[in-house]
Amino acid sequence: MAKTKFDNIKNRVLLVVIVFLLSYLLTALIDKEYTTWFFGGELSFVDYMIDFGVSLLISFVFVELSVFYSSWSFRLVSFTDKPYLRLFICAFLLLLFNNLTVWCFSLLINICFDEGLAFFHQGLYIFSVMATFVSYIYTDAQYMESSILAERQKKELEITLLKEKEHAAQMQLEVLKSQIGPHFMFNNFSILSELIVEDTALAEKFLDNLSKVYRYVIQNLKRDTVSIEEEIAFLHSYIYLIKMRYEDAVCI
């Protein structure tokens, strides 16, 4: 999934704050012991600052990891053209990776600290759930923005292509007009009308060469090169028309 204007530092910081506040709110609702400990009045200002600092750090770590997992899963699940199935698979992968991350952190804490920290493990899972929920919405919004941007660019390219085709067709028409000059055409028709009255056999030969000239011009409008044989045949027909018009006044 391409990086968009929606994904920036300001929004990432906002995600961390939201996860931080929601985690405290959820912890207060489900963990009465922590609530009593937090609002019991026995903690000093330093204790509160340490608790807030650790919570912010955990929020930041889980948000960044969760956004990374979510973005990675959206890039990974590109094999399906069904958007709802893609969203479901990405949600499952995000939940799986976040739970694995919490399990790894809990395992590391158990190795480093001997004393029981059950409340801390519970807090990690709460932060993980909040980060999963918030980051998934965030990545979905980013995915939607990317899709809208891609669709807009596609339409712009289609419009540009249509304009280029229209311009190319107009240029071909202009080339055709320049190659089949009206004066040249009307002069040949005038000669042909005189030959029909005077000499029908010569008129038929003149018409044959005239048709070869115009057939050559029309058939080669879209070609960049022609064979020497075709070019020489065209020149013979063109010279014949010039000779019929100017007779001995032109010497080639």
Protein backbone atom coordinates (compact mmCIF):
# COMPACT_ATOMS: atom_id res chain seq x y z
CA MET A 1 0.00 0.00 0.00
CA ALA A 2 1.47 3.33 -1.06
CA LYS A 3 2.25 6.01 1.53
CA THR A 4 -0.34 8.78 1.32
CA LYS A 5 -0.77 12.28 2.73
CA PHE A 6 -3.03 10.78 5.40
CA ASP A 7 -0.12 8.88 6.97
CA ASN A 8 2.05 11.48 8.69
CA ILE A 9 3.74 12.17 12.03
CA LYS A 10 0.87 14.29 13.33
CA ASN A 11 -1.65 11.50 12.84
CA ARG A 12 0.74 8.92 14.31
CA VAL A 13 1.10 11.04 17.47
CA LEU A 14 -2.68 11.35 17.66
CA LEU A 15 -2.94 7.56 17.47
CA VAL A 16 -0.56 7.18 20.40
CA VAL A 17 -2.61 9.61 22.50
CA ILE A 18 -5.88 7.84 21.63
CA VAL A 19 -4.46 4.42 22.51
CA PHE A 20 -3.03 5.86 25.74
CA LEU A 21 -6.38 7.34 26.85
CA LEU A 22 -8.50 4.36 25.77
CA SER A 23 -6.17 1.94 27.53
CA TYR A 24 -6.44 3.87 30.80
CA LEU A 25 -10.22 4.03 30.43
CA LEU A 26 -10.56 0.31 29.73
CA THR A 27 -8.18 -0.57 32.57
CA ALA A 28 -10.24 1.55 34.96
CA LEU A 29 -13.40 -0.28 33.91
CA ILE A 30 -12.12 -3.87 34.17
CA ASP A 31 -9.38 -3.69 36.84
CA LYS A 32 -10.77 -2.39 40.15
CA GLU A 33 -7.51 -3.08 42.00
CA TYR A 34 -5.54 -0.87 39.62
CA THR A 35 -8.18 1.85 39.88
CA THR A 36 -8.03 1.74 43.68
CA TRP A 37 -4.23 1.79 43.58
CA PHE A 38 -4.17 4.65 41.07
CA PHE A 39 -6.71 6.86 42.83
CA GLY A 40 -5.92 5.75 46.37
CA GLY A 41 -3.85 8.85 47.08
CA GLU A 42 -0.79 6.88 48.10
CA LEU A 43 1.19 7.61 44.91
CA SER A 44 3.57 10.54 44.64
CA PHE A 45 3.86 12.88 41.68
CA VAL A 46 6.95 11.00 40.51
CA ASP A 47 5.00 7.71 40.62
CA TYR A 48 2.28 9.21 38.46
CA MET A 49 4.84 10.55 35.99
CA ILE A 50 6.57 7.17 35.79
CA ASP A 51 3.24 5.42 35.20
CA PHE A 52 2.25 7.93 32.52
CA GLY A 53 5.68 7.74 30.88
CA VAL A 54 5.70 3.94 30.75
CA SER A 55 2.14 3.91 29.40
CA LEU A 56 3.00 6.44 26.68
CA LEU A 57 6.07 4.44 25.71
CA ILE A 58 4.07 1.21 25.51
CA SER A 59 1.36 3.01 23.51
CA PHE A 60 3.97 4.34 21.08
CA VAL A 61 5.64 0.93 20.63
CA PHE A 62 2.37 -0.91 20.07
CA VAL A 63 0.97 1.74 17.72
CA GLU A 64 4.08 1.75 15.54
CA LEU A 65 4.26 -2.06 15.47
CA SER A 66 0.54 -2.36 14.82
CA VAL A 67 0.56 0.16 11.96
CA PHE A 68 3.56 -1.67 10.51
CA TYR A 69 1.79 -5.04 10.76
CA SER A 70 -1.39 -3.62 9.26
CA SER A 71 0.38 -1.93 6.34
CA TRP A 72 2.48 -5.04 5.73
CA SER A 73 -0.61 -7.27 5.70
CA PHE A 74 -2.34 -5.01 3.18
CA ARG A 75 0.70 -5.29 0.90
CA LEU A 76 0.89 -9.04 1.48
CA VAL A 77 -2.79 -9.75 0.78
CA SER A 78 -2.80 -8.50 -2.82
CA PHE A 79 -3.82 -11.84 -4.33
CA THR A 80 -7.56 -11.24 -3.95
CA ASP A 81 -9.70 -8.72 -5.83
CA LYS A 82 -12.48 -8.92 -3.21
CA PRO A 83 -12.07 -5.93 -0.86
CA TYR A 84 -14.17 -7.38 2.00
CA LEU A 85 -12.21 -10.64 2.02
CA ARG A 86 -8.99 -8.66 1.94
CA LEU A 87 -10.06 -6.56 4.93
CA PHE A 88 -11.05 -9.67 6.89
CA ILE A 89 -7.73 -11.42 6.22
CA CYS A 90 -5.77 -8.28 7.13
CA ALA A 91 -7.73 -7.90 10.38
CA PHE A 92 -7.00 -11.51 11.31
CA LEU A 93 -3.28 -11.13 10.56
CA LEU A 94 -3.09 -7.89 12.55
CA LEU A 95 -4.74 -9.48 15.59
CA LEU A 96 -2.47 -12.51 15.31
CA PHE A 97 0.76 -10.50 15.05
CA ASN A 98 -0.19 -8.16 17.90
CA ASN A 99 -0.97 -11.10 20.19
CA LEU A 100 2.33 -12.72 19.27
CA THR A 101 4.08 -9.43 20.08
CA VAL A 102 2.42 -9.27 23.52
CA TRP A 103 3.36 -12.89 24.19
CA CYS A 104 7.00 -12.13 23.31
CA PHE A 105 7.05 -9.06 25.58
CA SER A 106 5.48 -11.04 28.42
CA LEU A 107 7.99 -13.83 27.98
CA LEU A 108 10.84 -11.33 28.04
CA ILE A 109 9.49 -9.69 31.22
CA ASN A 110 9.19 -13.06 32.96
CA ILE A 111 12.81 -13.82 32.08
CA CYS A 112 14.11 -10.43 33.26
CA PHE A 113 11.99 -10.09 36.44
CA ASP A 114 11.36 -12.82 38.98
CA GLU A 115 8.57 -11.10 40.87
CA GLY A 116 5.01 -11.49 39.72
CA LEU A 117 3.80 -8.78 37.35
CA ALA A 118 0.39 -10.15 36.42
CA PHE A 119 -1.16 -6.68 36.31
CA PHE A 120 1.55 -5.56 33.87
CA HIS A 121 0.86 -8.50 31.52
CA GLN A 122 -2.82 -7.64 31.60
CA GLY A 123 -1.99 -4.04 30.80
CA LEU A 124 0.08 -5.15 27.81
CA TYR A 125 -2.89 -7.03 26.37
CA ILE A 126 -5.13 -4.02 26.92
CA PHE A 127 -2.66 -1.78 25.08
CA SER A 128 -2.42 -4.39 22.33
CA VAL A 129 -6.20 -4.57 21.89
CA MET A 130 -6.52 -0.78 21.74
CA ALA A 131 -3.60 -0.50 19.31
CA THR A 132 -5.12 -3.21 17.10
CA PHE A 133 -8.48 -1.48 17.01
CA VAL A 134 -7.18 2.03 16.40
CA SER A 135 -4.40 1.13 13.95
CA TYR A 136 -6.75 -1.03 11.87
CA ILE A 137 -9.17 1.88 11.45
CA TYR A 138 -6.22 4.13 10.65
CA THR A 139 -4.82 1.73 8.03
CA ASP A 140 -8.27 1.21 6.53
CA ALA A 141 -8.58 4.96 6.08
CA GLN A 142 -5.15 5.02 4.47
CA TYR A 143 -6.13 2.10 2.21
CA MET A 144 -9.33 3.88 1.17
CA GLU A 145 -7.38 7.07 0.41
CA SER A 146 -4.91 5.07 -1.71
CA SER A 147 -7.78 3.41 -3.60
CA ILE A 148 -9.53 6.73 -4.24
CA LEU A 149 -6.25 8.31 -5.35
CA ALA A 150 -5.48 5.38 -7.68
CA GLU A 151 -8.99 5.54 -9.19
CA ARG A 152 -8.66 9.30 -9.69
CA GLN A 153 -5.27 8.88 -11.39
CA LYS A 154 -6.72 6.13 -13.59
CA LYS A 155 -9.54 8.40 -14.75
CA GLU A 156 -7.08 11.24 -15.38
CA LEU A 157 -4.90 8.90 -17.47
CA GLU A 158 -7.95 7.72 -19.44
CA ILE A 159 -8.97 11.32 -20.15
CA THR A 160 -5.39 12.18 -21.18
CA LEU A 161 -5.26 9.13 -23.45
CA LEU A 162 -8.56 10.07 -25.09
CA LYS A 163 -7.30 13.60 -25.67
CA GLU A 164 -4.07 12.25 -27.17
CA LYS A 165 -6.02 9.91 -29.46
CA GLU A 166 -8.25 12.80 -30.51
CA HIS A 167 -5.20 14.94 -31.15
CA ALA A 168 -3.54 12.14 -33.14
CA ALA A 169 -6.67 11.66 -35.24
CA GLN A 170 -6.82 15.41 -35.87
CA MET A 171 -3.16 15.44 -36.91
CA GLN A 172 -3.73 12.51 -39.25
CA LEU A 173 -6.61 14.40 -40.80
CA GLU A 174 -4.42 17.46 -41.22
CA VAL A 175 -1.69 15.31 -42.82
CA LEU A 176 -4.24 13.79 -45.16
CA LYS A 177 -5.50 17.24 -46.08
CA SER A 178 -1.98 18.49 -46.76
CA GLN A 179 -1.05 15.45 -48.82
CA ILE A 180 -4.25 15.45 -50.84
CA GLY A 181 -4.32 19.10 -51.82
CA PRO A 182 -7.63 20.36 -53.22
CA HIS A 183 -5.97 22.16 -56.13
CA PHE A 184 -4.10 19.05 -57.20
CA MET A 185 -7.26 16.97 -56.92
CA PHE A 186 -9.49 19.38 -58.85
CA ASN A 187 -6.87 19.86 -61.57
CA ASN A 188 -6.67 16.10 -62.07
CA PHE A 189 -10.45 15.80 -62.17
CA SER A 190 -10.55 18.55 -64.74
CA ILE A 191 -8.01 16.70 -66.90
CA LEU A 192 -9.92 13.45 -66.42
CA SER A 193 -13.21 15.01 -67.53
CA GLU A 194 -11.52 16.26 -70.74
CA LEU A 195 -9.94 12.87 -71.44
CA ILE A 196 -13.28 11.10 -71.01
CA VAL A 197 -14.65 13.18 -73.88
CA GLU A 198 -11.53 12.99 -76.06
CA ASP A 199 -9.98 9.55 -75.38
CA THR A 200 -11.69 7.03 -73.09
CA ALA A 201 -8.73 4.60 -73.13
CA LEU A 202 -6.34 7.35 -72.04
CA ALA A 203 -8.89 8.51 -69.47
CA GLU A 204 -9.01 4.99 -68.02
CA LYS A 205 -5.19 4.89 -67.76
CA PHE A 206 -5.16 8.35 -66.18
CA LEU A 207 -7.82 7.32 -63.64
CA ASP A 208 -5.84 4.18 -62.80
CA ASN A 209 -2.72 6.20 -61.99
CA LEU A 210 -4.76 8.77 -60.08
CA SER A 211 -6.32 6.05 -57.90
CA LYS A 212 -2.84 4.57 -57.23
CA VAL A 213 -1.59 7.95 -55.97
CA TYR A 214 -4.48 8.46 -53.56
CA ARG A 215 -4.49 4.82 -52.46
CA TYR A 216 -0.79 5.12 -51.59
CA VAL A 217 -1.38 8.28 -49.56
CA ILE A 218 -4.33 6.87 -47.60
CA GLN A 219 -2.80 3.44 -46.94
CA ASN A 220 0.44 4.90 -45.58
CA LEU A 221 -1.01 7.49 -43.20
CA LYS A 222 -0.19 5.33 -40.15
CA ARG A 223 3.10 3.97 -41.44
CA ASP A 224 6.49 5.50 -40.69
CA THR A 225 8.31 3.67 -43.48
CA VAL A 226 7.46 2.13 -46.86
CA SER A 227 9.38 -0.12 -49.17
CA ILE A 228 11.41 1.35 -52.04
CA GLU A 229 9.31 -0.65 -54.47
CA GLU A 230 6.10 0.99 -53.24
CA GLU A 231 7.70 4.43 -53.27
CA ILE A 232 8.94 4.02 -56.85
CA ALA A 233 5.52 2.77 -57.99
CA PHE A 234 3.94 5.83 -56.39
CA LEU A 235 6.46 8.13 -58.10
CA HIS A 236 5.73 6.58 -61.50
CA SER A 237 2.00 7.22 -61.06
CA TYR A 238 2.58 10.75 -59.74
CA ILE A 239 4.97 11.62 -62.58
CA TYR A 240 2.45 10.28 -65.08
CA LEU A 241 -0.20 12.68 -63.72
CA ILE A 242 2.24 15.62 -63.84
CA LYS A 243 3.23 14.73 -67.42
CA MET A 244 -0.41 14.60 -68.48
CA ARG A 245 -1.02 18.02 -67.00
CA TYR A 246 2.11 19.90 -68.11
CA GLU A 247 3.18 17.68 -71.04
CA ASP A 248 6.69 18.58 -72.22
CA ALA A 249 6.99 21.56 -69.85
CA VAL A 250 8.21 19.18 -67.13
CA CYS A 251 11.29 17.02 -67.59
CA ILE A 252 12.16 14.39 -64.99
